[in-house]
Amino acid sequence: SLVALMFLFAIQTFNPSSVYILDEADSALDQENSRKLAHL
């Protein structure tokens, strides 16, 4: 999940979108990585 999210955000850094929809993208993450995702 982390790799997929990093890949998605890396691509979007190059060509950002105005809206992102994430459906339970954090479901497999532990607490620490969930916090990191929330801050990102």
PDB file of all heavy atoms in Angstrom:
ATOM      1  N   SER A   1       0.834  -1.211   0.000  1.00  0.00           N
ATOM      2  CA  SER A   1       0.000   0.000   0.000  1.00  0.00           C
ATOM      3  C   SER A   1       0.864   1.254   0.000  1.00  0.00           C
ATOM      4  O   SER A   1       0.591   2.204  -0.736  1.00  0.00           O
ATOM      5  CB  SER A   1      -0.911   0.018   1.224  1.00  0.00           C
ATOM      6  OG  SER A   1      -1.868  -0.995   1.142  1.00  0.00           O
ATOM      7  N   LEU A   2       1.916   1.255   0.832  1.00  0.00           N
ATOM      8  CA  LEU A   2       2.816   2.406   0.860  1.00  0.00           C
ATOM      9  C   LEU A   2       3.464   2.645  -0.492  1.00  0.00           C
ATOM     10  O   LEU A   2       3.548   3.781  -0.965  1.00  0.00           O
ATOM     11  CB  LEU A   2       3.906   2.202   1.910  1.00  0.00           C
ATOM     12  CG  LEU A   2       3.549   2.461   3.350  1.00  0.00           C
ATOM     13  CD1 LEU A   2       4.727   2.102   4.250  1.00  0.00           C
ATOM     14  CD2 LEU A   2       3.152   3.905   3.557  1.00  0.00           C
ATOM     15  N   VAL A   3       3.931   1.583  -1.122  1.00  0.00           N
ATOM     16  CA  VAL A   3       4.579   1.706  -2.434  1.00  0.00           C
ATOM     17  C   VAL A   3       3.590   2.259  -3.460  1.00  0.00           C
ATOM     18  O   VAL A   3       3.916   3.160  -4.229  1.00  0.00           O
ATOM     19  CB  VAL A   3       5.165   0.351  -2.893  1.00  0.00           C
ATOM     20  CG1 VAL A   3       5.625   0.421  -4.335  1.00  0.00           C
ATOM     21  CG2 VAL A   3       6.313  -0.054  -1.985  1.00  0.00           C
ATOM     22  N   ALA A   4       2.364   1.735  -3.453  1.00  0.00           N
ATOM     23  CA  ALA A   4       1.349   2.206  -4.400  1.00  0.00           C
ATOM     24  C   ALA A   4       1.036   3.683  -4.177  1.00  0.00           C
ATOM     25  O   ALA A   4       0.935   4.460  -5.136  1.00  0.00           O
ATOM     26  CB  ALA A   4       0.082   1.371  -4.267  1.00  0.00           C
ATOM     27  N   LEU A   5       0.897   4.086  -2.914  1.00  0.00           N
ATOM     28  CA  LEU A   5       0.613   5.493  -2.612  1.00  0.00           C
ATOM     29  C   LEU A   5       1.786   6.396  -2.982  1.00  0.00           C
ATOM     30  O   LEU A   5       1.589   7.483  -3.536  1.00  0.00           O
ATOM     31  CB  LEU A   5       0.254   5.651  -1.134  1.00  0.00           C
ATOM     32  CG  LEU A   5      -1.104   5.078  -0.745  1.00  0.00           C
ATOM     33  CD1 LEU A   5      -1.221   4.961   0.772  1.00  0.00           C
ATOM     34  CD2 LEU A   5      -2.228   5.928  -1.304  1.00  0.00           C
ATOM     35  N   MET A   6       3.009   5.942  -2.693  1.00  0.00           N
ATOM     36  CA  MET A   6       4.191   6.736  -3.063  1.00  0.00           C
ATOM     37  C   MET A   6       4.271   6.896  -4.582  1.00  0.00           C
ATOM     38  O   MET A   6       4.580   7.979  -5.084  1.00  0.00           O
ATOM     39  CB  MET A   6       5.464   6.086  -2.536  1.00  0.00           C
ATOM     40  CG  MET A   6       5.631   6.225  -1.042  1.00  0.00           C
ATOM     41  SD  MET A   6       7.208   5.606  -0.427  1.00  0.00           S
ATOM     42  CE  MET A   6       6.993   3.844  -0.572  1.00  0.00           C
ATOM     43  N   PHE A   7       3.983   5.823  -5.310  1.00  0.00           N
ATOM     44  CA  PHE A   7       4.013   5.863  -6.775  1.00  0.00           C
ATOM     45  C   PHE A   7       2.949   6.833  -7.296  1.00  0.00           C
ATOM     46  O   PHE A   7       3.218   7.677  -8.147  1.00  0.00           O
ATOM     47  CB  PHE A   7       3.801   4.454  -7.328  1.00  0.00           C
ATOM     48  CG  PHE A   7       3.938   4.349  -8.811  1.00  0.00           C
ATOM     49  CD1 PHE A   7       5.161   4.579  -9.428  1.00  0.00           C
ATOM     50  CD2 PHE A   7       2.853   4.005  -9.595  1.00  0.00           C
ATOM     51  CE1 PHE A   7       5.297   4.477 -10.802  1.00  0.00           C
ATOM     52  CE2 PHE A   7       2.981   3.899 -10.973  1.00  0.00           C
ATOM     53  CZ  PHE A   7       4.203   4.136 -11.578  1.00  0.00           C
ATOM     54  N   LEU A   8       1.741   6.752  -6.748  1.00  0.00           N
ATOM     55  CA  LEU A   8       0.656   7.641  -7.153  1.00  0.00           C
ATOM     56  C   LEU A   8       1.015   9.097  -6.904  1.00  0.00           C
ATOM     57  O   LEU A   8       0.892   9.944  -7.794  1.00  0.00           O
ATOM     58  CB  LEU A   8      -0.627   7.280  -6.381  1.00  0.00           C
ATOM     59  CG  LEU A   8      -1.787   8.249  -6.536  1.00  0.00           C
ATOM     60  CD1 LEU A   8      -2.423   8.100  -7.907  1.00  0.00           C
ATOM     61  CD2 LEU A   8      -2.810   8.034  -5.449  1.00  0.00           C
ATOM     62  N   PHE A   9       1.504   9.391  -5.692  1.00  0.00           N
ATOM     63  CA  PHE A   9       1.827  10.782  -5.372  1.00  0.00           C
ATOM     64  C   PHE A   9       3.057  11.277  -6.133  1.00  0.00           C
ATOM     65  O   PHE A   9       3.153  12.466  -6.438  1.00  0.00           O
ATOM     66  CB  PHE A   9       1.994  10.968  -3.867  1.00  0.00           C
ATOM     67  CG  PHE A   9       0.692  10.832  -3.112  1.00  0.00           C
ATOM     68  CD1 PHE A   9       0.622  10.076  -1.960  1.00  0.00           C
ATOM     69  CD2 PHE A   9      -0.461  11.450  -3.559  1.00  0.00           C
ATOM     70  CE1 PHE A   9      -0.573   9.954  -1.263  1.00  0.00           C
ATOM     71  CE2 PHE A   9      -1.662  11.328  -2.877  1.00  0.00           C
ATOM     72  CZ  PHE A   9      -1.714  10.585  -1.725  1.00  0.00           C
ATOM     73  N   ALA A  10       3.978  10.401  -6.454  1.00  0.00           N
ATOM     74  CA  ALA A  10       5.133  10.802  -7.267  1.00  0.00           C
ATOM     75  C   ALA A  10       4.682  11.216  -8.666  1.00  0.00           C
ATOM     76  O   ALA A  10       5.131  12.234  -9.195  1.00  0.00           O
ATOM     77  CB  ALA A  10       6.145   9.667  -7.348  1.00  0.00           C
ATOM     78  N   ILE A  11       3.790  10.437  -9.258  1.00  0.00           N
ATOM     79  CA  ILE A  11       3.254  10.785 -10.578  1.00  0.00           C
ATOM     80  C   ILE A  11       2.474  12.094 -10.493  1.00  0.00           C
ATOM     81  O   ILE A  11       2.610  12.964 -11.344  1.00  0.00           O
ATOM     82  CB  ILE A  11       2.360   9.652 -11.122  1.00  0.00           C
ATOM     83  CG1 ILE A  11       3.221   8.434 -11.471  1.00  0.00           C
ATOM     84  CG2 ILE A  11       1.557  10.111 -12.340  1.00  0.00           C
ATOM     85  CD1 ILE A  11       2.427   7.198 -11.813  1.00  0.00           C
ATOM     86  N   GLN A  12       1.671  12.231  -9.456  1.00  0.00           N
ATOM     87  CA  GLN A  12       0.835  13.420  -9.323  1.00  0.00           C
ATOM     88  C   GLN A  12       1.652  14.677  -9.015  1.00  0.00           C
ATOM     89  O   GLN A  12       1.202  15.783  -9.279  1.00  0.00           O
ATOM     90  CB  GLN A  12      -0.241  13.198  -8.259  1.00  0.00           C
ATOM     91  CG  GLN A  12      -1.249  12.136  -8.645  1.00  0.00           C
ATOM     92  CD  GLN A  12      -1.925  12.431  -9.984  1.00  0.00           C
ATOM     93  OE1 GLN A  12      -2.231  13.565 -10.319  1.00  0.00           O
ATOM     94  NE2 GLN A  12      -2.149  11.388 -10.766  1.00  0.00           N
ATOM     95  N   THR A  13       2.845  14.502  -8.470  1.00  0.00           N
ATOM     96  CA  THR A  13       3.718  15.652  -8.245  1.00  0.00           C
ATOM     97  C   THR A  13       4.124  16.263  -9.583  1.00  0.00           C
ATOM     98  O   THR A  13       4.236  17.475  -9.720  1.00  0.00           O
ATOM     99  CB  THR A  13       4.970  15.233  -7.453  1.00  0.00           C
ATOM    100  OG1 THR A  13       4.543  14.701  -6.205  1.00  0.00           O
ATOM    101  CG2 THR A  13       5.902  16.401  -7.204  1.00  0.00           C
ATOM    102  N   PHE A  14       4.301  15.405 -10.578  1.00  0.00           N
ATOM    103  CA  PHE A  14       4.667  15.861 -11.918  1.00  0.00           C
ATOM    104  C   PHE A  14       3.503  16.560 -12.602  1.00  0.00           C
ATOM    105  O   PHE A  14       3.673  17.585 -13.262  1.00  0.00           O
ATOM    106  CB  PHE A  14       5.148  14.672 -12.762  1.00  0.00           C
ATOM    107  CG  PHE A  14       5.447  15.028 -14.184  1.00  0.00           C
ATOM    108  CD1 PHE A  14       6.559  15.785 -14.498  1.00  0.00           C
ATOM    109  CD2 PHE A  14       4.614  14.616 -15.202  1.00  0.00           C
ATOM    110  CE1 PHE A  14       6.841  16.134 -15.816  1.00  0.00           C
ATOM    111  CE2 PHE A  14       4.880  14.954 -16.516  1.00  0.00           C
ATOM    112  CZ  PHE A  14       5.988  15.704 -16.820  1.00  0.00           C
ATOM    113  N   ASN A  15       2.297  16.001 -12.472  1.00  0.00           N
ATOM    114  CA  ASN A  15       1.109  16.548 -13.129  1.00  0.00           C
ATOM    115  C   ASN A  15      -0.058  16.500 -12.149  1.00  0.00           C
ATOM    116  O   ASN A  15      -0.887  15.601 -12.212  1.00  0.00           O
ATOM    117  CB  ASN A  15       0.801  15.754 -14.398  1.00  0.00           C
ATOM    118  CG  ASN A  15      -0.301  16.381 -15.217  1.00  0.00           C
ATOM    119  OD1 ASN A  15      -0.708  17.495 -14.968  1.00  0.00           O
ATOM    120  ND2 ASN A  15      -0.788  15.642 -16.196  1.00  0.00           N
ATOM    121  N   PRO A  16      -0.144  17.458 -11.220  1.00  0.00           N
ATOM    122  CA  PRO A  16      -1.141  17.389 -10.148  1.00  0.00           C
ATOM    123  C   PRO A  16      -2.580  17.496 -10.639  1.00  0.00           C
ATOM    124  O   PRO A  16      -2.864  18.149 -11.632  1.00  0.00           O
ATOM    125  CB  PRO A  16      -0.803  18.581  -9.256  1.00  0.00           C
ATOM    126  CG  PRO A  16       0.393  19.230  -9.806  1.00  0.00           C
ATOM    127  CD  PRO A  16       0.715  18.615 -11.115  1.00  0.00           C
ATOM    128  N   SER A  17      -3.438  16.850  -9.888  1.00  0.00           N
ATOM    129  CA  SER A  17      -4.872  16.925 -10.129  1.00  0.00           C
ATOM    130  C   SER A  17      -5.482  17.867  -9.100  1.00  0.00           C
ATOM    131  O   SER A  17      -4.887  18.135  -8.056  1.00  0.00           O
ATOM    132  CB  SER A  17      -5.477  15.530  -9.986  1.00  0.00           C
ATOM    133  OG  SER A  17      -6.874  15.588 -10.153  1.00  0.00           O
ATOM    134  N   SER A  18      -6.671  18.358  -9.366  1.00  0.00           N
ATOM    135  CA  SER A  18      -7.316  19.241  -8.398  1.00  0.00           C
ATOM    136  C   SER A  18      -8.082  18.456  -7.340  1.00  0.00           C
ATOM    137  O   SER A  18      -8.333  18.964  -6.249  1.00  0.00           O
ATOM    138  CB  SER A  18      -8.245  20.226  -9.104  1.00  0.00           C
ATOM    139  OG  SER A  18      -9.223  19.509  -9.832  1.00  0.00           O
ATOM    140  N   VAL A  19      -8.469  17.204  -7.651  1.00  0.00           N
ATOM    141  CA  VAL A  19      -9.237  16.377  -6.718  1.00  0.00           C
ATOM    142  C   VAL A  19      -8.687  14.957  -6.715  1.00  0.00           C
ATOM    143  O   VAL A  19      -8.371  14.398  -7.769  1.00  0.00           O
ATOM    144  CB  VAL A  19     -10.736  16.330  -7.113  1.00  0.00           C
ATOM    145  CG1 VAL A  19     -11.513  15.415  -6.192  1.00  0.00           C
ATOM    146  CG2 VAL A  19     -11.341  17.718  -7.112  1.00  0.00           C
ATOM    147  N   TYR A  20      -8.566  14.387  -5.520  1.00  0.00           N
ATOM    148  CA  TYR A  20      -8.162  12.994  -5.355  1.00  0.00           C
ATOM    149  C   TYR A  20      -9.227  12.294  -4.510  1.00  0.00           C
ATOM    150  O   TYR A  20      -9.722  12.867  -3.533  1.00  0.00           O
ATOM    151  CB  TYR A  20      -6.822  12.880  -4.624  1.00  0.00           C
ATOM    152  CG  TYR A  20      -5.669  13.479  -5.372  1.00  0.00           C
ATOM    153  CD1 TYR A  20      -5.332  14.812  -5.212  1.00  0.00           C
ATOM    154  CD2 TYR A  20      -4.915  12.715  -6.248  1.00  0.00           C
ATOM    155  CE1 TYR A  20      -4.280  15.366  -5.903  1.00  0.00           C
ATOM    156  CE2 TYR A  20      -3.858  13.266  -6.945  1.00  0.00           C
ATOM    157  CZ  TYR A  20      -3.554  14.591  -6.770  1.00  0.00           C
ATOM    158  OH  TYR A  20      -2.511  15.141  -7.459  1.00  0.00           O
ATOM    159  N   ILE A  21      -9.566  11.078  -4.876  1.00  0.00           N
ATOM    160  CA  ILE A  21     -10.497  10.270  -4.098  1.00  0.00           C
ATOM    161  C   ILE A  21      -9.766   9.001  -3.697  1.00  0.00           C
ATOM    162  O   ILE A  21      -9.336   8.228  -4.560  1.00  0.00           O
ATOM    163  CB  ILE A  21     -11.769   9.938  -4.898  1.00  0.00           C
ATOM    164  CG1 ILE A  21     -12.469  11.242  -5.308  1.00  0.00           C
ATOM    165  CG2 ILE A  21     -12.697   9.049  -4.078  1.00  0.00           C
ATOM    166  CD1 ILE A  21     -13.639  11.043  -6.253  1.00  0.00           C
ATOM    167  N   LEU A  22      -9.614   8.799  -2.389  1.00  0.00           N
ATOM    168  CA  LEU A  22      -8.944   7.613  -1.861  1.00  0.00           C
ATOM    169  C   LEU A  22      -9.962   6.808  -1.057  1.00  0.00           C
ATOM    170  O   LEU A  22     -10.499   7.305  -0.068  1.00  0.00           O
ATOM    171  CB  LEU A  22      -7.761   8.004  -0.978  1.00  0.00           C
ATOM    172  CG  LEU A  22      -6.676   8.859  -1.623  1.00  0.00           C
ATOM    173  CD1 LEU A  22      -5.628   9.255  -0.581  1.00  0.00           C
ATOM    174  CD2 LEU A  22      -6.030   8.117  -2.773  1.00  0.00           C
ATOM    175  N   ASP A  23     -10.222   5.601  -1.482  1.00  0.00           N
ATOM    176  CA  ASP A  23     -11.202   4.746  -0.807  1.00  0.00           C
ATOM    177  C   ASP A  23     -10.476   3.701   0.027  1.00  0.00           C
ATOM    178  O   ASP A  23      -9.987   2.709  -0.501  1.00  0.00           O
ATOM    179  CB  ASP A  23     -12.116   4.089  -1.831  1.00  0.00           C
ATOM    180  CG  ASP A  23     -13.241   3.289  -1.189  1.00  0.00           C
ATOM    181  OD1 ASP A  23     -13.393   3.336   0.052  1.00  0.00           O
ATOM    182  OD2 ASP A  23     -13.973   2.614  -1.927  1.00  0.00           O
ATOM    183  N   GLU A  24     -10.385   3.940   1.316  1.00  0.00           N
ATOM    184  CA  GLU A  24      -9.737   3.059   2.276  1.00  0.00           C
ATOM    185  C   GLU A  24      -8.324   2.652   1.837  1.00  0.00           C
ATOM    186  O   GLU A  24      -7.905   1.516   2.013  1.00  0.00           O
ATOM    187  CB  GLU A  24     -10.606   1.844   2.569  1.00  0.00           C
ATOM    188  CG  GLU A  24     -11.907   2.232   3.248  1.00  0.00           C
ATOM    189  CD  GLU A  24     -12.675   1.064   3.817  1.00  0.00           C
ATOM    190  OE1 GLU A  24     -12.045   0.074   4.212  1.00  0.00           O
ATOM    191  OE2 GLU A  24     -13.904   1.169   3.857  1.00  0.00           O
ATOM    192  N   ALA A  25      -7.590   3.606   1.292  1.00  0.00           N
ATOM    193  CA  ALA A  25      -6.211   3.367   0.871  1.00  0.00           C
ATOM    194  C   ALA A  25      -5.313   3.059   2.058  1.00  0.00           C
ATOM    195  O   ALA A  25      -4.224   2.523   1.898  1.00  0.00           O
ATOM    196  CB  ALA A  25      -5.682   4.581   0.115  1.00  0.00           C
ATOM    197  N   ASP A  26      -5.775   3.389   3.251  1.00  0.00           N
ATOM    198  CA  ASP A  26      -5.002   3.196   4.472  1.00  0.00           C
ATOM    199  C   ASP A  26      -5.330   1.903   5.208  1.00  0.00           C
ATOM    200  O   ASP A  26      -4.767   1.625   6.258  1.00  0.00           O
ATOM    201  CB  ASP A  26      -5.259   4.374   5.418  1.00  0.00           C
ATOM    202  CG  ASP A  26      -6.734   4.484   5.777  1.00  0.00           C
ATOM    203  OD1 ASP A  26      -7.587   4.169   4.924  1.00  0.00           O
ATOM    204  OD2 ASP A  26      -7.046   4.880   6.903  1.00  0.00           O
ATOM    205  N   SER A  27      -6.196   1.082   4.670  1.00  0.00           N
ATOM    206  CA  SER A  27      -6.706  -0.077   5.412  1.00  0.00           C
ATOM    207  C   SER A  27      -5.626  -1.083   5.802  1.00  0.00           C
ATOM    208  O   SER A  27      -5.747  -1.737   6.836  1.00  0.00           O
ATOM    209  CB  SER A  27      -7.818  -0.774   4.622  1.00  0.00           C
ATOM    210  OG  SER A  27      -7.311  -1.286   3.414  1.00  0.00           O
ATOM    211  N   ALA A  28      -4.572  -1.207   5.027  1.00  0.00           N
ATOM    212  CA  ALA A  28      -3.513  -2.181   5.340  1.00  0.00           C
ATOM    213  C   ALA A  28      -2.349  -1.553   6.112  1.00  0.00           C
ATOM    214  O   ALA A  28      -1.394  -2.244   6.438  1.00  0.00           O
ATOM    215  CB  ALA A  28      -2.993  -2.815   4.054  1.00  0.00           C
ATOM    216  N   LEU A  29      -2.440  -0.257   6.423  1.00  0.00           N
ATOM    217  CA  LEU A  29      -1.331   0.432   7.075  1.00  0.00           C
ATOM    218  C   LEU A  29      -1.413   0.318   8.592  1.00  0.00           C
ATOM    219  O   LEU A  29      -2.498   0.303   9.165  1.00  0.00           O
ATOM    220  CB  LEU A  29      -1.321   1.915   6.689  1.00  0.00           C
ATOM    221  CG  LEU A  29      -1.189   2.240   5.209  1.00  0.00           C
ATOM    222  CD1 LEU A  29      -1.187   3.743   5.002  1.00  0.00           C
ATOM    223  CD2 LEU A  29       0.054   1.607   4.622  1.00  0.00           C
ATOM    224  N   ASP A  30      -0.240   0.271   9.232  1.00  0.00           N
ATOM    225  CA  ASP A  30      -0.202   0.290  10.690  1.00  0.00           C
ATOM    226  C   ASP A  30      -0.395   1.730  11.169  1.00  0.00           C
ATOM    227  O   ASP A  30      -0.521   2.663  10.370  1.00  0.00           O
ATOM    228  CB  ASP A  30       1.098  -0.315  11.215  1.00  0.00           C
ATOM    229  CG  ASP A  30       2.354   0.422  10.749  1.00  0.00           C
ATOM    230  OD1 ASP A  30       2.238   1.550  10.213  1.00  0.00           O
ATOM    231  OD2 ASP A  30       3.455  -0.121  10.921  1.00  0.00           O
ATOM    232  N   GLN A  31      -0.436   1.937  12.488  1.00  0.00           N
ATOM    233  CA  GLN A  31      -0.723   3.260  13.032  1.00  0.00           C
ATOM    234  C   GLN A  31       0.285   4.319  12.603  1.00  0.00           C
ATOM    235  O   GLN A  31      -0.090   5.430  12.226  1.00  0.00           O
ATOM    236  CB  GLN A  31      -0.778   3.197  14.556  1.00  0.00           C
ATOM    237  CG  GLN A  31      -1.998   2.502  15.082  1.00  0.00           C
ATOM    238  CD  GLN A  31      -2.081   2.569  16.598  1.00  0.00           C
ATOM    239  OE1 GLN A  31      -1.167   3.040  17.266  1.00  0.00           O
ATOM    240  NE2 GLN A  31      -3.190   2.104  17.146  1.00  0.00           N
ATOM    241  N   GLU A  32       1.557   3.988  12.671  1.00  0.00           N
ATOM    242  CA  GLU A  32       2.593   4.966  12.324  1.00  0.00           C
ATOM    243  C   GLU A  32       2.495   5.371  10.855  1.00  0.00           C
ATOM    244  O   GLU A  32       2.555   6.559  10.523  1.00  0.00           O
ATOM    245  CB  GLU A  32       3.980   4.410  12.632  1.00  0.00           C
ATOM    246  CG  GLU A  32       5.114   5.369  12.327  1.00  0.00           C
ATOM    247  CD  GLU A  32       5.055   6.686  13.095  1.00  0.00           C
ATOM    248  OE1 GLU A  32       4.478   6.729  14.192  1.00  0.00           O
ATOM    249  OE2 GLU A  32       5.590   7.681  12.577  1.00  0.00           O
ATOM    250  N   ASN A  33       2.338   4.412   9.968  1.00  0.00           N
ATOM    251  CA  ASN A  33       2.237   4.738   8.545  1.00  0.00           C
ATOM    252  C   ASN A  33       0.907   5.425   8.222  1.00  0.00           C
ATOM    253  O   ASN A  33       0.840   6.233   7.307  1.00  0.00           O
ATOM    254  CB  ASN A  33       2.444   3.491   7.695  1.00  0.00           C
ATOM    255  CG  ASN A  33       3.903   3.077   7.692  1.00  0.00           C
ATOM    256  OD1 ASN A  33       4.794   3.916   7.601  1.00  0.00           O
ATOM    257  ND2 ASN A  33       4.166   1.795   7.803  1.00  0.00           N
ATOM    258  N   SER A  34      -0.134   5.141   8.978  1.00  0.00           N
ATOM    259  CA  SER A  34      -1.403   5.861   8.815  1.00  0.00           C
ATOM    260  C   SER A  34      -1.225   7.327   9.169  1.00  0.00           C
ATOM    261  O   SER A  34      -1.737   8.211   8.483  1.00  0.00           O
ATOM    262  CB  SER A  34      -2.486   5.252   9.706  1.00  0.00           C
ATOM    263  OG  SER A  34      -2.772   3.943   9.315  1.00  0.00           O
ATOM    264  N   ARG A  35      -0.501   7.600  10.250  1.00  0.00           N
ATOM    265  CA  ARG A  35      -0.220   8.984  10.637  1.00  0.00           C
ATOM    266  C   ARG A  35       0.596   9.696   9.549  1.00  0.00           C
ATOM    267  O   ARG A  35       0.329  10.845   9.215  1.00  0.00           O
ATOM    268  CB  ARG A  35       0.535   9.041  11.963  1.00  0.00           C
ATOM    269  CG  ARG A  35      -0.360   9.017  13.182  1.00  0.00           C
ATOM    270  CD  ARG A  35       0.415   9.366  14.449  1.00  0.00           C
ATOM    271  NE  ARG A  35       1.303   8.275  14.863  1.00  0.00           N
ATOM    272  CZ  ARG A  35       0.908   7.214  15.557  1.00  0.00           C
ATOM    273  NH1 ARG A  35      -0.341   7.092  15.907  1.00  0.00           N
ATOM    274  NH2 ARG A  35       1.759   6.275  15.884  1.00  0.00           N
ATOM    275  N   LYS A  36       1.592   8.999   9.011  1.00  0.00           N
ATOM    276  CA  LYS A  36       2.415   9.597   7.954  1.00  0.00           C
ATOM    277  C   LYS A  36       1.575   9.914   6.723  1.00  0.00           C
ATOM    278  O   LYS A  36       1.738  10.973   6.108  1.00  0.00           O
ATOM    279  CB  LYS A  36       3.567   8.654   7.583  1.00  0.00           C
ATOM    280  CG  LYS A  36       4.634   8.562   8.657  1.00  0.00           C
ATOM    281  CD  LYS A  36       5.718   7.585   8.270  1.00  0.00           C
ATOM    282  CE  LYS A  36       6.770   7.459   9.354  1.00  0.00           C
ATOM    283  NZ  LYS A  36       7.809   6.483   9.010  1.00  0.00           N
ATOM    284  N   LEU A  37       0.676   8.991   6.360  1.00  0.00           N
ATOM    285  CA  LEU A  37      -0.202   9.228   5.220  1.00  0.00           C
ATOM    286  C   LEU A  37      -1.099  10.435   5.490  1.00  0.00           C
ATOM    287  O   LEU A  37      -1.271  11.294   4.620  1.00  0.00           O
ATOM    288  CB  LEU A  37      -1.052   7.992   4.918  1.00  0.00           C
ATOM    289  CG  LEU A  37      -2.111   8.176   3.832  1.00  0.00           C
ATOM    290  CD1 LEU A  37      -1.470   8.516   2.494  1.00  0.00           C
ATOM    291  CD2 LEU A  37      -2.979   6.930   3.719  1.00  0.00           C
ATOM    292  N   ALA A  38      -1.653  10.530   6.685  1.00  0.00           N
ATOM    293  CA  ALA A  38      -2.529  11.657   7.028  1.00  0.00           C
ATOM    294  C   ALA A  38      -1.783  12.983   6.924  1.00  0.00           C
ATOM    295  O   ALA A  38      -2.321  13.966   6.397  1.00  0.00           O
ATOM    296  CB  ALA A  38      -3.093  11.464   8.433  1.00  0.00           C
ATOM    297  N   HIS A  39      -0.543  13.030   7.405  1.00  0.00           N
ATOM    298  CA  HIS A  39       0.247  14.256   7.318  1.00  0.00           C
ATOM    299  C   HIS A  39       0.587  14.590   5.867  1.00  0.00           C
ATOM    300  O   HIS A  39       0.569  15.762   5.481  1.00  0.00           O
ATOM    301  CB  HIS A  39       1.510  14.149   8.161  1.00  0.00           C
ATOM    302  CG  HIS A  39       1.235  14.155   9.633  1.00  0.00           C
ATOM    303  ND1 HIS A  39       0.699  15.230  10.299  1.00  0.00           N
ATOM    304  CD2 HIS A  39       1.407  13.203  10.565  1.00  0.00           C
ATOM    305  CE1 HIS A  39       0.558  14.949  11.572  1.00  0.00           C
ATOM    306  NE2 HIS A  39       0.976  13.714  11.771  1.00  0.00           N
ATOM    307  N   LEU A  40       0.881  13.577   5.070  1.00  0.00           N
ATOM    308  CA  LEU A  40       1.173  13.811   3.658  1.00  0.00           C
ATOM    309  C   LEU A  40      -0.053  14.371   2.944  1.00  0.00           C
ATOM    310  O   LEU A  40       0.048  15.342   2.185  1.00  0.00           O
ATOM    311  CB  LEU A  40       1.635  12.512   2.978  1.00  0.00           C
ATOM    312  CG  LEU A  40       1.896  12.605   1.483  1.00  0.00           C
ATOM    313  CD1 LEU A  40       3.016  13.603   1.184  1.00  0.00           C
ATOM    314  CD2 LEU A  40       2.242  11.232   0.923  1.00  0.00           C
TER     315      LEU A  40
END
